[in-house]
Amino acid sequence: MSDFHHALRSLRVWDTELPAFDPATAPADPLALFHGWFLAAVGAGQTEPHTLSLATAGADGRPDVRTVMLHDADERGWHFASHATSAKGRQLAARPEAALGFYWPVQGRQVRVRGPVATASREEAYADLHARTTGALAAALTGRQSEVLASPAALAEASEAAWRRAEAEPDADAPTWTLYVVEPAEVEFFQGDARRRHLRLRYRRDPAAPAGWARELLWP
């Protein structure tokens, strides 16, 4: 057995005490449960609980996935941001649907969100761009996300120029910066169990159901 396979087979999952979850006590709206689980992950010391996997597909139907940062989760949906000219931006323009995946191993929990993607207003995108650090603004001003890079030196030069501009012009705009909102059609909550009796609670959008959501358990 190679070192890789030995390491892979020796790893344990959820080497910690997992919280209890009773689906019968879950709220009628998935947003309230997400907020509660998110705060619990923060309280449990989960590293970077605001990062998530974002899956998209282009016009050719080929899937793609990457890790991005959650910018908000409200009544409209789950928010993230990127350049409209990036690979994800072009894919969302061609096929405006996405899936999100949160994984919080410190509590053995996952949350999955699927649905159509809307673009927020330019005013909201501008406010989002300036709600974070100088470094975040500089990264956005560097631009050219997903384009082929000639060399690390070219990135260093562009990044340095963007940092200088961000410090000199804290109100500078990046016109392609876009705030996206995943409007949930389905939201699934997964609670891991040491004996593999995992609990999966799925919310499906249903105008006829209480609070507009139907709830159902899934086999693990």
N, C-alpha and C. Protein backbone atom coordinates (compact mmCIF):
# COMPACT_ATOMS: atom_id res chain seq x y z
N MET A 1 0.85 -1.19 0.00
CA MET A 1 0.00 0.00 0.00
C MET A 1 0.89 1.25 0.00
N SER A 2 0.58 2.20 -0.88
CA SER A 2 1.36 3.43 -0.96
C SER A 2 1.11 4.30 0.25
N ASP A 3 2.00 5.28 0.46
CA ASP A 3 1.82 6.23 1.56
C ASP A 3 0.48 6.95 1.43
N PHE A 4 0.13 7.29 0.19
CA PHE A 4 -1.15 7.98 -0.04
C PHE A 4 -2.31 7.11 0.42
N HIS A 5 -2.34 5.85 -0.02
CA HIS A 5 -3.46 4.98 0.33
C HIS A 5 -3.48 4.65 1.81
N HIS A 6 -2.30 4.50 2.40
CA HIS A 6 -2.25 4.25 3.85
C HIS A 6 -2.83 5.43 4.61
N ALA A 7 -2.41 6.65 4.23
CA ALA A 7 -2.94 7.84 4.90
C ALA A 7 -4.43 7.98 4.68
N LEU A 8 -4.87 7.71 3.45
CA LEU A 8 -6.29 7.84 3.12
C LEU A 8 -7.14 6.88 3.95
N ARG A 9 -6.69 5.63 4.08
CA ARG A 9 -7.48 4.63 4.81
C ARG A 9 -7.43 4.83 6.33
N SER A 10 -6.41 5.53 6.81
CA SER A 10 -6.26 5.67 8.26
C SER A 10 -7.01 6.87 8.83
N LEU A 11 -7.52 7.73 7.96
CA LEU A 11 -8.20 8.93 8.44
C LEU A 11 -9.55 8.60 9.05
N ARG A 12 -9.87 9.29 10.13
CA ARG A 12 -11.17 9.13 10.77
C ARG A 12 -12.06 10.30 10.40
N VAL A 13 -13.36 10.09 10.52
CA VAL A 13 -14.35 11.13 10.24
C VAL A 13 -15.02 11.52 11.55
N TRP A 14 -15.12 12.82 11.79
CA TRP A 14 -15.83 13.34 12.97
C TRP A 14 -15.28 12.76 14.27
N ASP A 15 -13.99 12.96 14.47
CA ASP A 15 -13.36 12.50 15.71
C ASP A 15 -13.68 13.49 16.82
N THR A 16 -14.97 13.68 17.05
CA THR A 16 -15.44 14.65 18.04
C THR A 16 -16.87 14.26 18.43
N GLU A 17 -17.35 14.84 19.50
CA GLU A 17 -18.73 14.57 19.90
C GLU A 17 -19.67 15.41 19.03
N LEU A 18 -20.63 14.75 18.42
CA LEU A 18 -21.53 15.43 17.49
C LEU A 18 -22.80 15.89 18.20
N PRO A 19 -23.34 17.02 17.79
CA PRO A 19 -24.57 17.51 18.44
C PRO A 19 -25.78 16.70 18.03
N ALA A 20 -26.81 16.75 18.85
CA ALA A 20 -28.07 16.10 18.52
C ALA A 20 -28.88 17.01 17.60
N PHE A 21 -29.73 16.39 16.80
CA PHE A 21 -30.61 17.16 15.92
C PHE A 21 -31.93 16.41 15.81
N ASP A 22 -33.00 17.07 16.18
CA ASP A 22 -34.34 16.49 16.07
C ASP A 22 -35.07 17.23 14.95
N PRO A 23 -35.24 16.60 13.79
CA PRO A 23 -35.92 17.28 12.67
C PRO A 23 -37.32 17.75 13.01
N ALA A 24 -37.97 17.09 13.97
CA ALA A 24 -39.34 17.48 14.32
C ALA A 24 -39.39 18.87 14.93
N THR A 25 -38.27 19.34 15.47
CA THR A 25 -38.24 20.67 16.09
C THR A 25 -37.72 21.74 15.13
N ALA A 26 -37.41 21.35 13.90
CA ALA A 26 -36.85 22.31 12.94
C ALA A 26 -37.89 23.36 12.56
N PRO A 27 -37.48 24.59 12.33
CA PRO A 27 -38.43 25.64 11.96
C PRO A 27 -39.03 25.40 10.58
N ALA A 28 -40.12 26.10 10.30
CA ALA A 28 -40.80 25.92 9.01
C ALA A 28 -40.00 26.50 7.86
N ASP A 29 -39.10 27.42 8.13
CA ASP A 29 -38.33 28.11 7.10
C ASP A 29 -36.87 27.68 7.19
N PRO A 30 -36.23 27.26 6.10
CA PRO A 30 -34.84 26.80 6.17
C PRO A 30 -33.85 27.90 6.55
N LEU A 31 -34.18 29.15 6.26
CA LEU A 31 -33.25 30.23 6.57
C LEU A 31 -32.99 30.32 8.07
N ALA A 32 -34.05 30.16 8.87
CA ALA A 32 -33.89 30.23 10.33
C ALA A 32 -32.99 29.10 10.82
N LEU A 33 -33.15 27.90 10.25
CA LEU A 33 -32.30 26.78 10.66
C LEU A 33 -30.86 27.01 10.21
N PHE A 34 -30.67 27.55 9.02
CA PHE A 34 -29.32 27.84 8.55
C PHE A 34 -28.63 28.83 9.47
N HIS A 35 -29.32 29.91 9.82
CA HIS A 35 -28.73 30.89 10.73
C HIS A 35 -28.33 30.23 12.05
N GLY A 36 -29.19 29.37 12.59
CA GLY A 36 -28.88 28.69 13.84
C GLY A 36 -27.68 27.78 13.72
N TRP A 37 -27.62 26.99 12.65
CA TRP A 37 -26.49 26.08 12.46
C TRP A 37 -25.20 26.86 12.21
N PHE A 38 -25.29 27.96 11.47
CA PHE A 38 -24.10 28.77 11.21
C PHE A 38 -23.53 29.31 12.51
N LEU A 39 -24.39 29.88 13.36
CA LEU A 39 -23.93 30.42 14.64
C LEU A 39 -23.37 29.32 15.53
N ALA A 40 -23.97 28.13 15.47
CA ALA A 40 -23.46 27.00 16.24
C ALA A 40 -22.07 26.59 15.76
N ALA A 41 -21.86 26.61 14.44
CA ALA A 41 -20.54 26.28 13.89
C ALA A 41 -19.50 27.29 14.34
N VAL A 42 -19.87 28.57 14.31
CA VAL A 42 -18.96 29.62 14.78
C VAL A 42 -18.63 29.39 16.25
N GLY A 43 -19.66 29.12 17.06
CA GLY A 43 -19.47 28.90 18.49
C GLY A 43 -18.63 27.68 18.80
N ALA A 44 -18.68 26.68 17.92
CA ALA A 44 -17.91 25.45 18.12
C ALA A 44 -16.48 25.57 17.63
N GLY A 45 -16.12 26.73 17.07
CA GLY A 45 -14.76 26.94 16.61
C GLY A 45 -14.46 26.44 15.22
N GLN A 46 -15.50 26.24 14.40
CA GLN A 46 -15.27 25.80 13.03
C GLN A 46 -14.44 26.82 12.27
N THR A 47 -13.38 26.35 11.60
CA THR A 47 -12.55 27.24 10.79
C THR A 47 -13.29 27.68 9.54
N GLU A 48 -13.30 28.97 9.30
CA GLU A 48 -13.90 29.56 8.10
C GLU A 48 -15.28 28.98 7.78
N PRO A 49 -16.22 29.08 8.68
CA PRO A 49 -17.56 28.54 8.41
C PRO A 49 -18.30 29.27 7.30
N HIS A 50 -17.79 30.44 6.93
CA HIS A 50 -18.44 31.24 5.88
C HIS A 50 -17.94 30.89 4.49
N THR A 51 -17.08 29.89 4.35
CA THR A 51 -16.67 29.45 3.02
C THR A 51 -17.58 28.31 2.56
N LEU A 52 -17.76 28.21 1.26
CA LEU A 52 -18.69 27.23 0.69
C LEU A 52 -18.22 26.81 -0.68
N SER A 53 -18.67 25.65 -1.10
CA SER A 53 -18.42 25.19 -2.46
C SER A 53 -19.55 25.69 -3.34
N LEU A 54 -19.19 26.31 -4.45
CA LEU A 54 -20.17 26.82 -5.41
C LEU A 54 -20.05 26.02 -6.70
N ALA A 55 -21.13 25.35 -7.08
CA ALA A 55 -21.16 24.56 -8.31
C ALA A 55 -22.01 25.27 -9.35
N THR A 56 -21.46 25.37 -10.56
CA THR A 56 -22.17 25.97 -11.69
C THR A 56 -21.96 25.09 -12.92
N ALA A 57 -22.64 25.43 -13.98
CA ALA A 57 -22.44 24.75 -15.26
C ALA A 57 -22.56 25.78 -16.37
N GLY A 58 -21.75 25.62 -17.40
CA GLY A 58 -21.79 26.54 -18.52
C GLY A 58 -22.82 26.14 -19.55
N ALA A 59 -22.81 26.85 -20.67
CA ALA A 59 -23.77 26.57 -21.74
C ALA A 59 -23.62 25.16 -22.28
N ASP A 60 -22.40 24.59 -22.17
CA ASP A 60 -22.17 23.23 -22.67
C ASP A 60 -22.59 22.16 -21.67
N GLY A 61 -23.05 22.57 -20.49
CA GLY A 61 -23.52 21.63 -19.48
C GLY A 61 -22.44 21.04 -18.61
N ARG A 62 -21.17 21.36 -18.85
CA ARG A 62 -20.09 20.79 -18.05
C ARG A 62 -20.08 21.45 -16.67
N PRO A 63 -20.03 20.65 -15.60
CA PRO A 63 -20.05 21.20 -14.25
C PRO A 63 -18.71 21.80 -13.86
N ASP A 64 -18.76 22.70 -12.88
CA ASP A 64 -17.56 23.34 -12.35
C ASP A 64 -17.82 23.62 -10.88
N VAL A 65 -16.76 23.67 -10.09
CA VAL A 65 -16.94 23.93 -8.66
C VAL A 65 -15.71 24.65 -8.13
N ARG A 66 -15.91 25.50 -7.13
CA ARG A 66 -14.83 26.21 -6.48
C ARG A 66 -15.29 26.66 -5.10
N THR A 67 -14.37 27.14 -4.29
CA THR A 67 -14.70 27.63 -2.96
C THR A 67 -14.79 29.14 -2.98
N VAL A 68 -15.88 29.68 -2.45
CA VAL A 68 -16.08 31.12 -2.37
C VAL A 68 -16.54 31.47 -0.96
N MET A 69 -16.76 32.76 -0.73
CA MET A 69 -17.16 33.24 0.58
C MET A 69 -18.63 33.65 0.58
N LEU A 70 -19.33 33.30 1.63
CA LEU A 70 -20.72 33.73 1.81
C LEU A 70 -20.73 35.20 2.21
N HIS A 71 -21.54 35.99 1.51
CA HIS A 71 -21.64 37.42 1.84
C HIS A 71 -22.90 37.75 2.63
N ASP A 72 -23.92 36.92 2.53
CA ASP A 72 -25.14 37.13 3.31
C ASP A 72 -26.07 35.94 3.07
N ALA A 73 -27.04 35.80 3.94
CA ALA A 73 -28.12 34.83 3.75
C ALA A 73 -29.36 35.47 4.35
N ASP A 74 -30.30 35.85 3.49
CA ASP A 74 -31.50 36.54 3.95
C ASP A 74 -32.72 35.99 3.23
N GLU A 75 -33.83 36.71 3.32
CA GLU A 75 -35.08 36.23 2.74
C GLU A 75 -35.00 36.04 1.23
N ARG A 76 -34.10 36.75 0.57
CA ARG A 76 -33.94 36.59 -0.88
C ARG A 76 -33.17 35.33 -1.23
N GLY A 77 -32.19 34.99 -0.40
CA GLY A 77 -31.38 33.81 -0.68
C GLY A 77 -29.98 33.93 -0.13
N TRP A 78 -29.08 33.11 -0.68
CA TRP A 78 -27.69 33.05 -0.24
C TRP A 78 -26.84 33.88 -1.19
N HIS A 79 -26.03 34.81 -0.66
CA HIS A 79 -25.30 35.79 -1.47
C HIS A 79 -23.82 35.44 -1.57
N PHE A 80 -23.27 35.62 -2.75
CA PHE A 80 -21.83 35.59 -2.96
C PHE A 80 -21.51 36.58 -4.06
N ALA A 81 -20.23 36.87 -4.28
CA ALA A 81 -19.87 37.90 -5.26
C ALA A 81 -18.67 37.45 -6.09
N SER A 82 -18.58 38.00 -7.27
CA SER A 82 -17.46 37.72 -8.16
C SER A 82 -17.52 38.71 -9.32
N HIS A 83 -16.53 38.65 -10.19
CA HIS A 83 -16.57 39.44 -11.42
C HIS A 83 -17.48 38.76 -12.44
N ALA A 84 -18.28 39.54 -13.11
CA ALA A 84 -19.14 38.99 -14.16
C ALA A 84 -18.32 38.39 -15.29
N THR A 85 -17.05 38.83 -15.43
CA THR A 85 -16.18 38.35 -16.49
C THR A 85 -15.39 37.11 -16.10
N SER A 86 -15.54 36.66 -14.84
CA SER A 86 -14.82 35.46 -14.40
C SER A 86 -15.47 34.22 -15.01
N ALA A 87 -14.84 33.07 -14.80
CA ALA A 87 -15.41 31.82 -15.32
C ALA A 87 -16.79 31.57 -14.73
N LYS A 88 -16.93 31.76 -13.42
CA LYS A 88 -18.24 31.53 -12.80
C LYS A 88 -19.26 32.55 -13.27
N GLY A 89 -18.81 33.80 -13.47
CA GLY A 89 -19.72 34.83 -13.96
C GLY A 89 -20.24 34.51 -15.35
N ARG A 90 -19.35 34.04 -16.22
CA ARG A 90 -19.77 33.68 -17.59
C ARG A 90 -20.70 32.46 -17.56
N GLN A 91 -20.40 31.50 -16.69
CA GLN A 91 -21.26 30.33 -16.60
C GLN A 91 -22.65 30.69 -16.08
N LEU A 92 -22.69 31.58 -15.09
CA LEU A 92 -23.99 31.99 -14.55
C LEU A 92 -24.78 32.81 -15.56
N ALA A 93 -24.10 33.55 -16.41
CA ALA A 93 -24.79 34.31 -17.46
C ALA A 93 -25.42 33.35 -18.47
N ALA A 94 -24.73 32.25 -18.76
CA ALA A 94 -25.24 31.27 -19.73
C ALA A 94 -26.30 30.37 -19.12
N ARG A 95 -26.12 30.04 -17.85
CA ARG A 95 -27.05 29.12 -17.18
C ARG A 95 -27.18 29.57 -15.73
N PRO A 96 -28.15 30.44 -15.43
CA PRO A 96 -28.24 31.06 -14.10
C PRO A 96 -28.86 30.16 -13.02
N GLU A 97 -28.18 29.07 -12.74
CA GLU A 97 -28.55 28.18 -11.65
C GLU A 97 -27.28 27.74 -10.95
N ALA A 98 -27.39 27.43 -9.66
CA ALA A 98 -26.20 27.03 -8.92
C ALA A 98 -26.58 26.12 -7.76
N ALA A 99 -25.57 25.45 -7.23
CA ALA A 99 -25.70 24.66 -6.01
C ALA A 99 -24.59 25.09 -5.06
N LEU A 100 -24.92 25.19 -3.79
CA LEU A 100 -23.96 25.56 -2.75
C LEU A 100 -23.81 24.41 -1.78
N GLY A 101 -22.60 24.25 -1.25
CA GLY A 101 -22.37 23.22 -0.25
C GLY A 101 -21.54 23.76 0.90
N PHE A 102 -22.09 23.73 2.11
CA PHE A 102 -21.36 24.09 3.31
C PHE A 102 -20.99 22.80 4.05
N TYR A 103 -19.78 22.74 4.59
CA TYR A 103 -19.36 21.58 5.37
C TYR A 103 -18.70 22.07 6.65
N TRP A 104 -19.27 21.67 7.78
CA TRP A 104 -18.77 22.07 9.10
C TRP A 104 -18.42 20.80 9.87
N PRO A 105 -17.23 20.21 9.63
CA PRO A 105 -16.89 18.91 10.23
C PRO A 105 -16.81 18.92 11.74
N VAL A 106 -16.56 20.09 12.35
CA VAL A 106 -16.48 20.12 13.80
C VAL A 106 -17.79 19.67 14.44
N GLN A 107 -18.90 19.77 13.70
CA GLN A 107 -20.19 19.30 14.20
C GLN A 107 -20.82 18.25 13.29
N GLY A 108 -20.08 17.78 12.29
CA GLY A 108 -20.59 16.75 11.40
C GLY A 108 -21.79 17.21 10.60
N ARG A 109 -21.78 18.48 10.20
CA ARG A 109 -22.95 19.04 9.52
C ARG A 109 -22.62 19.53 8.11
N GLN A 110 -23.61 19.37 7.25
CA GLN A 110 -23.56 19.92 5.90
C GLN A 110 -24.87 20.64 5.62
N VAL A 111 -24.79 21.65 4.76
CA VAL A 111 -25.99 22.30 4.24
C VAL A 111 -25.81 22.44 2.74
N ARG A 112 -26.84 22.03 1.99
CA ARG A 112 -26.83 22.13 0.53
C ARG A 112 -27.98 23.02 0.09
N VAL A 113 -27.68 23.90 -0.85
CA VAL A 113 -28.68 24.84 -1.38
C VAL A 113 -28.66 24.74 -2.89
N ARG A 114 -29.85 24.65 -3.51
CA ARG A 114 -29.95 24.62 -4.97
C ARG A 114 -31.04 25.58 -5.41
N GLY A 115 -30.80 26.26 -6.54
CA GLY A 115 -31.84 27.13 -7.06
C GLY A 115 -31.33 28.07 -8.13
N PRO A 116 -32.23 28.85 -8.70
CA PRO A 116 -31.85 29.84 -9.70
C PRO A 116 -31.04 30.97 -9.07
N VAL A 117 -30.25 31.64 -9.90
CA VAL A 117 -29.38 32.71 -9.42
C VAL A 117 -29.82 34.04 -10.03
N ALA A 118 -30.00 35.02 -9.15
CA ALA A 118 -30.34 36.38 -9.60
C ALA A 118 -29.14 37.30 -9.34
N THR A 119 -29.10 38.40 -10.07
CA THR A 119 -28.05 39.41 -9.83
C THR A 119 -28.65 40.58 -9.08
N ALA A 120 -27.94 40.99 -8.04
CA ALA A 120 -28.39 42.15 -7.27
C ALA A 120 -28.11 43.42 -8.06
N SER A 121 -28.61 44.55 -7.58
CA SER A 121 -28.44 45.83 -8.27
C SER A 121 -26.98 46.28 -8.22
N ARG A 122 -26.63 47.21 -9.11
CA ARG A 122 -25.29 47.78 -9.11
C ARG A 122 -25.00 48.47 -7.79
N GLU A 123 -26.01 49.11 -7.21
CA GLU A 123 -25.81 49.80 -5.93
C GLU A 123 -25.45 48.80 -4.83
N GLU A 124 -26.13 47.64 -4.84
CA GLU A 124 -25.82 46.62 -3.85
C GLU A 124 -24.43 46.03 -4.08
N ALA A 125 -24.06 45.83 -5.33
CA ALA A 125 -22.73 45.30 -5.63
C ALA A 125 -21.65 46.28 -5.17
N TYR A 126 -21.88 47.57 -5.39
CA TYR A 126 -20.91 48.58 -4.96
C TYR A 126 -20.79 48.58 -3.43
N ALA A 127 -21.92 48.52 -2.75
CA ALA A 127 -21.90 48.49 -1.29
C ALA A 127 -21.18 47.25 -0.78
N ASP A 128 -21.40 46.12 -1.43
CA ASP A 128 -20.73 44.89 -1.05
C ASP A 128 -19.23 45.01 -1.24
N LEU A 129 -18.82 45.61 -2.34
CA LEU A 129 -17.40 45.77 -2.64
C LEU A 129 -16.68 46.58 -1.58
N HIS A 130 -17.39 47.54 -0.99
CA HIS A 130 -16.76 48.45 -0.02
C HIS A 130 -17.09 48.12 1.42
N ALA A 131 -17.72 46.96 1.64
CA ALA A 131 -18.07 46.57 3.00
C ALA A 131 -16.94 45.79 3.68
N ARG A 132 -15.90 45.46 2.90
CA ARG A 132 -14.84 44.61 3.44
C ARG A 132 -13.51 45.37 3.50
N THR A 133 -12.40 44.66 3.46
CA THR A 133 -11.10 45.25 3.72
C THR A 133 -10.50 45.91 2.48
N THR A 134 -9.44 46.68 2.72
CA THR A 134 -8.69 47.26 1.60
C THR A 134 -8.14 46.17 0.70
N GLY A 135 -7.71 45.07 1.31
CA GLY A 135 -7.18 43.96 0.52
C GLY A 135 -8.23 43.35 -0.40
N ALA A 136 -9.47 43.26 0.09
CA ALA A 136 -10.54 42.72 -0.74
C ALA A 136 -10.82 43.65 -1.91
N LEU A 137 -10.81 44.96 -1.65
CA LEU A 137 -11.02 45.93 -2.73
C LEU A 137 -9.87 45.84 -3.73
N ALA A 138 -8.64 45.74 -3.24
CA ALA A 138 -7.49 45.64 -4.13
C ALA A 138 -7.58 44.40 -5.01
N ALA A 139 -8.01 43.29 -4.42
CA ALA A 139 -8.14 42.05 -5.21
C ALA A 139 -9.17 42.23 -6.32
N ALA A 140 -10.29 42.92 -5.99
CA ALA A 140 -11.32 43.15 -7.00
C ALA A 140 -10.80 44.10 -8.09
N LEU A 141 -10.03 45.09 -7.70
CA LEU A 141 -9.50 46.06 -8.67
C LEU A 141 -8.42 45.43 -9.56
N THR A 142 -7.76 44.39 -9.07
CA THR A 142 -6.77 43.70 -9.90
C THR A 142 -7.43 43.11 -11.13
N GLY A 143 -8.65 42.56 -10.93
CA GLY A 143 -9.45 42.07 -12.06
C GLY A 143 -8.80 40.92 -12.80
N ARG A 144 -9.29 40.68 -14.02
CA ARG A 144 -8.79 39.66 -14.94
C ARG A 144 -8.92 38.25 -14.37
N GLN A 145 -9.88 38.04 -13.45
CA GLN A 145 -10.06 36.74 -12.82
C GLN A 145 -10.33 35.66 -13.85
N SER A 146 -9.66 34.54 -13.73
CA SER A 146 -9.79 33.34 -14.58
C SER A 146 -9.07 33.47 -15.91
N GLU A 147 -8.48 34.63 -16.21
CA GLU A 147 -7.72 34.75 -17.46
C GLU A 147 -6.37 34.05 -17.30
N VAL A 148 -5.75 33.70 -18.42
CA VAL A 148 -4.43 33.08 -18.39
C VAL A 148 -3.41 34.09 -17.90
N LEU A 149 -2.57 33.67 -16.95
CA LEU A 149 -1.56 34.54 -16.34
C LEU A 149 -0.20 34.23 -16.95
N ALA A 150 0.49 35.27 -17.43
CA ALA A 150 1.78 35.07 -18.08
C ALA A 150 2.85 34.63 -17.09
N SER A 151 2.85 35.22 -15.88
CA SER A 151 3.89 34.90 -14.90
C SER A 151 3.48 35.43 -13.53
N PRO A 152 4.05 34.89 -12.46
CA PRO A 152 3.79 35.44 -11.13
C PRO A 152 4.19 36.91 -11.02
N ALA A 153 5.21 37.30 -11.77
CA ALA A 153 5.65 38.70 -11.74
C ALA A 153 4.56 39.63 -12.27
N ALA A 154 3.83 39.18 -13.29
CA ALA A 154 2.75 40.01 -13.84
C ALA A 154 1.65 40.19 -12.81
N LEU A 155 1.35 39.14 -12.05
CA LEU A 155 0.35 39.24 -10.98
C LEU A 155 0.84 40.19 -9.89
N ALA A 156 2.10 40.08 -9.49
CA ALA A 156 2.64 40.93 -8.44
C ALA A 156 2.57 42.40 -8.85
N GLU A 157 2.89 42.70 -10.09
CA GLU A 157 2.85 44.08 -10.57
C GLU A 157 1.43 44.64 -10.57
N ALA A 158 0.48 43.85 -11.09
CA ALA A 158 -0.91 44.30 -11.14
C ALA A 158 -1.49 44.43 -9.73
N SER A 159 -1.14 43.49 -8.85
CA SER A 159 -1.65 43.53 -7.49
C SER A 159 -1.12 44.74 -6.73
N GLU A 160 0.15 45.03 -6.91
CA GLU A 160 0.75 46.20 -6.24
C GLU A 160 0.07 47.48 -6.69
N ALA A 161 -0.19 47.60 -7.99
CA ALA A 161 -0.88 48.79 -8.51
C ALA A 161 -2.29 48.89 -7.96
N ALA A 162 -2.97 47.75 -7.85
CA ALA A 162 -4.33 47.74 -7.31
C ALA A 162 -4.34 48.12 -5.83
N TRP A 163 -3.36 47.64 -5.08
CA TRP A 163 -3.26 48.02 -3.67
C TRP A 163 -3.07 49.54 -3.52
N ARG A 164 -2.19 50.10 -4.33
CA ARG A 164 -1.95 51.56 -4.25
C ARG A 164 -3.23 52.33 -4.57
N ARG A 165 -3.97 51.86 -5.57
CA ARG A 165 -5.22 52.54 -5.92
C ARG A 165 -6.26 52.39 -4.82
N ALA A 166 -6.38 51.19 -4.25
CA ALA A 166 -7.36 50.95 -3.19
C ALA A 166 -7.09 51.84 -1.98
N GLU A 167 -5.83 52.05 -1.66
CA GLU A 167 -5.47 52.91 -0.52
C GLU A 167 -5.70 54.38 -0.84
N ALA A 168 -5.44 54.78 -2.10
CA ALA A 168 -5.60 56.18 -2.49
C ALA A 168 -7.05 56.51 -2.82
N GLU A 169 -7.80 55.53 -3.33
CA GLU A 169 -9.19 55.75 -3.73
C GLU A 169 -10.08 54.67 -3.08
N PRO A 170 -10.37 54.82 -1.78
CA PRO A 170 -11.17 53.79 -1.10
C PRO A 170 -12.58 53.66 -1.64
N ASP A 171 -13.05 54.64 -2.43
CA ASP A 171 -14.38 54.57 -3.03
C ASP A 171 -14.34 54.10 -4.48
N ALA A 172 -13.19 53.62 -4.93
CA ALA A 172 -13.06 53.18 -6.33
C ALA A 172 -14.04 52.04 -6.62
N ASP A 173 -14.49 52.00 -7.85
CA ASP A 173 -15.44 50.96 -8.24
C ASP A 173 -14.77 49.96 -9.17
N ALA A 174 -15.25 48.74 -9.14
CA ALA A 174 -14.85 47.71 -10.09
C ALA A 174 -16.12 47.35 -10.86
N PRO A 175 -16.32 47.90 -12.06
CA PRO A 175 -17.60 47.79 -12.76
C PRO A 175 -18.11 46.37 -12.99
N THR A 176 -17.20 45.39 -13.07
CA THR A 176 -17.66 44.02 -13.32
C THR A 176 -17.98 43.26 -12.03
N TRP A 177 -17.71 43.89 -10.87
CA TRP A 177 -18.00 43.23 -9.60
C TRP A 177 -19.51 43.04 -9.47
N THR A 178 -19.93 41.82 -9.23
CA THR A 178 -21.35 41.47 -9.24
C THR A 178 -21.72 40.70 -7.98
N LEU A 179 -22.85 41.07 -7.41
CA LEU A 179 -23.38 40.35 -6.25
C LEU A 179 -24.46 39.41 -6.75
N TYR A 180 -24.28 38.13 -6.48
CA TYR A 180 -25.22 37.10 -6.93
C TYR A 180 -26.03 36.59 -5.73
N VAL A 181 -27.26 36.19 -6.00
CA VAL A 181 -28.14 35.66 -4.97
C VAL A 181 -28.73 34.34 -5.46
N VAL A 182 -28.43 33.26 -4.74
CA VAL A 182 -29.04 31.96 -5.04
C VAL A 182 -30.40 31.93 -4.36
N GLU A 183 -31.46 31.90 -5.16
CA GLU A 183 -32.82 31.87 -4.64
C GLU A 183 -33.20 30.41 -4.42
N PRO A 184 -33.30 29.96 -3.18
CA PRO A 184 -33.37 28.52 -2.92
C PRO A 184 -34.67 27.87 -3.38
N ALA A 185 -34.51 26.79 -4.15
CA ALA A 185 -35.64 25.92 -4.48
C ALA A 185 -35.62 24.71 -3.56
N GLU A 186 -34.42 24.32 -3.12
CA GLU A 186 -34.24 23.21 -2.18
C GLU A 186 -33.11 23.58 -1.21
N VAL A 187 -33.29 23.22 0.05
CA VAL A 187 -32.23 23.38 1.04
C VAL A 187 -32.21 22.10 1.88
N GLU A 188 -31.06 21.45 1.94
CA GLU A 188 -30.95 20.20 2.70
C GLU A 188 -29.98 20.37 3.86
N PHE A 189 -30.37 19.87 5.03
CA PHE A 189 -29.54 19.89 6.22
C PHE A 189 -29.16 18.45 6.57
N PHE A 190 -27.86 18.22 6.74
CA PHE A 190 -27.32 16.89 7.01
C PHE A 190 -26.64 16.91 8.37
N GLN A 191 -27.10 16.07 9.28
CA GLN A 191 -26.45 15.91 10.57
C GLN A 191 -25.82 14.53 10.64
N GLY A 192 -24.49 14.50 10.74
CA GLY A 192 -23.80 13.23 10.81
C GLY A 192 -24.02 12.52 12.14
N ASP A 193 -23.86 11.20 12.11
CA ASP A 193 -24.03 10.37 13.29
C ASP A 193 -22.89 9.35 13.32
N ALA A 194 -22.30 9.14 14.50
CA ALA A 194 -21.15 8.25 14.62
C ALA A 194 -21.46 6.83 14.18
N ARG A 195 -22.72 6.41 14.30
CA ARG A 195 -23.13 5.07 13.89
C ARG A 195 -23.70 5.05 12.46
N ARG A 196 -23.46 6.12 11.75
CA ARG A 196 -23.88 6.28 10.35
C ARG A 196 -25.40 6.35 10.19
N ARG A 197 -26.09 6.72 11.24
CA ARG A 197 -27.53 6.94 11.14
C ARG A 197 -27.76 8.43 10.89
N HIS A 198 -27.18 8.89 9.81
CA HIS A 198 -27.21 10.31 9.51
C HIS A 198 -28.64 10.81 9.30
N LEU A 199 -28.89 12.02 9.70
CA LEU A 199 -30.20 12.64 9.50
C LEU A 199 -30.11 13.65 8.37
N ARG A 200 -31.03 13.52 7.42
CA ARG A 200 -31.11 14.46 6.30
C ARG A 200 -32.51 15.04 6.23
N LEU A 201 -32.59 16.33 6.37
CA LEU A 201 -33.86 17.04 6.30
C LEU A 201 -33.83 17.97 5.09
N ARG A 202 -34.76 17.75 4.16
CA ARG A 202 -34.81 18.58 2.96
C ARG A 202 -36.05 19.46 2.97
N TYR A 203 -35.83 20.73 2.67
CA TYR A 203 -36.90 21.69 2.45
C TYR A 203 -37.06 21.87 0.93
N ARG A 204 -38.28 21.78 0.44
CA ARG A 204 -38.58 22.03 -0.97
C ARG A 204 -39.59 23.18 -1.07
N ARG A 205 -39.32 24.10 -1.96
CA ARG A 205 -40.23 25.21 -2.16
C ARG A 205 -41.59 24.69 -2.59
N ASP A 206 -42.64 25.08 -1.84
CA ASP A 206 -44.00 24.63 -2.13
C ASP A 206 -44.96 25.71 -1.66
N PRO A 207 -45.53 26.48 -2.59
CA PRO A 207 -46.42 27.59 -2.19
C PRO A 207 -47.61 27.14 -1.35
N ALA A 208 -48.01 25.87 -1.46
CA ALA A 208 -49.17 25.38 -0.72
C ALA A 208 -48.83 24.95 0.70
N ALA A 209 -47.55 24.85 1.01
CA ALA A 209 -47.13 24.36 2.34
C ALA A 209 -46.99 25.52 3.32
N PRO A 210 -47.00 25.22 4.63
CA PRO A 210 -46.78 26.28 5.64
C PRO A 210 -45.45 26.98 5.40
N ALA A 211 -45.49 28.31 5.44
CA ALA A 211 -44.30 29.15 5.21
C ALA A 211 -43.71 28.96 3.82
N GLY A 212 -44.46 28.27 2.93
CA GLY A 212 -44.00 28.10 1.55
C GLY A 212 -42.99 26.98 1.35
N TRP A 213 -42.82 26.12 2.37
CA TRP A 213 -41.83 25.05 2.26
C TRP A 213 -42.43 23.70 2.69
N ALA A 214 -42.18 22.68 1.90
CA ALA A 214 -42.49 21.30 2.29
C ALA A 214 -41.23 20.70 2.89
N ARG A 215 -41.37 19.89 3.92
CA ARG A 215 -40.22 19.27 4.57
C ARG A 215 -40.32 17.76 4.47
N GLU A 216 -39.18 17.11 4.25
CA GLU A 216 -39.16 15.66 4.14
C GLU A 216 -37.79 15.13 4.59
N LEU A 217 -37.80 13.93 5.17
CA LEU A 217 -36.57 13.26 5.55
C LEU A 217 -36.10 12.41 4.38
N LEU A 218 -34.78 12.25 4.27
CA LEU A 218 -34.17 11.43 3.23
C LEU A 218 -33.34 10.32 3.86
N TRP A 219 -33.32 9.19 3.20
CA TRP A 219 -32.41 8.12 3.65
C TRP A 219 -30.98 8.58 3.50
N PRO A 220 -30.12 8.23 4.46
CA PRO A 220 -28.71 8.66 4.35
C PRO A 220 -27.97 7.84 3.30
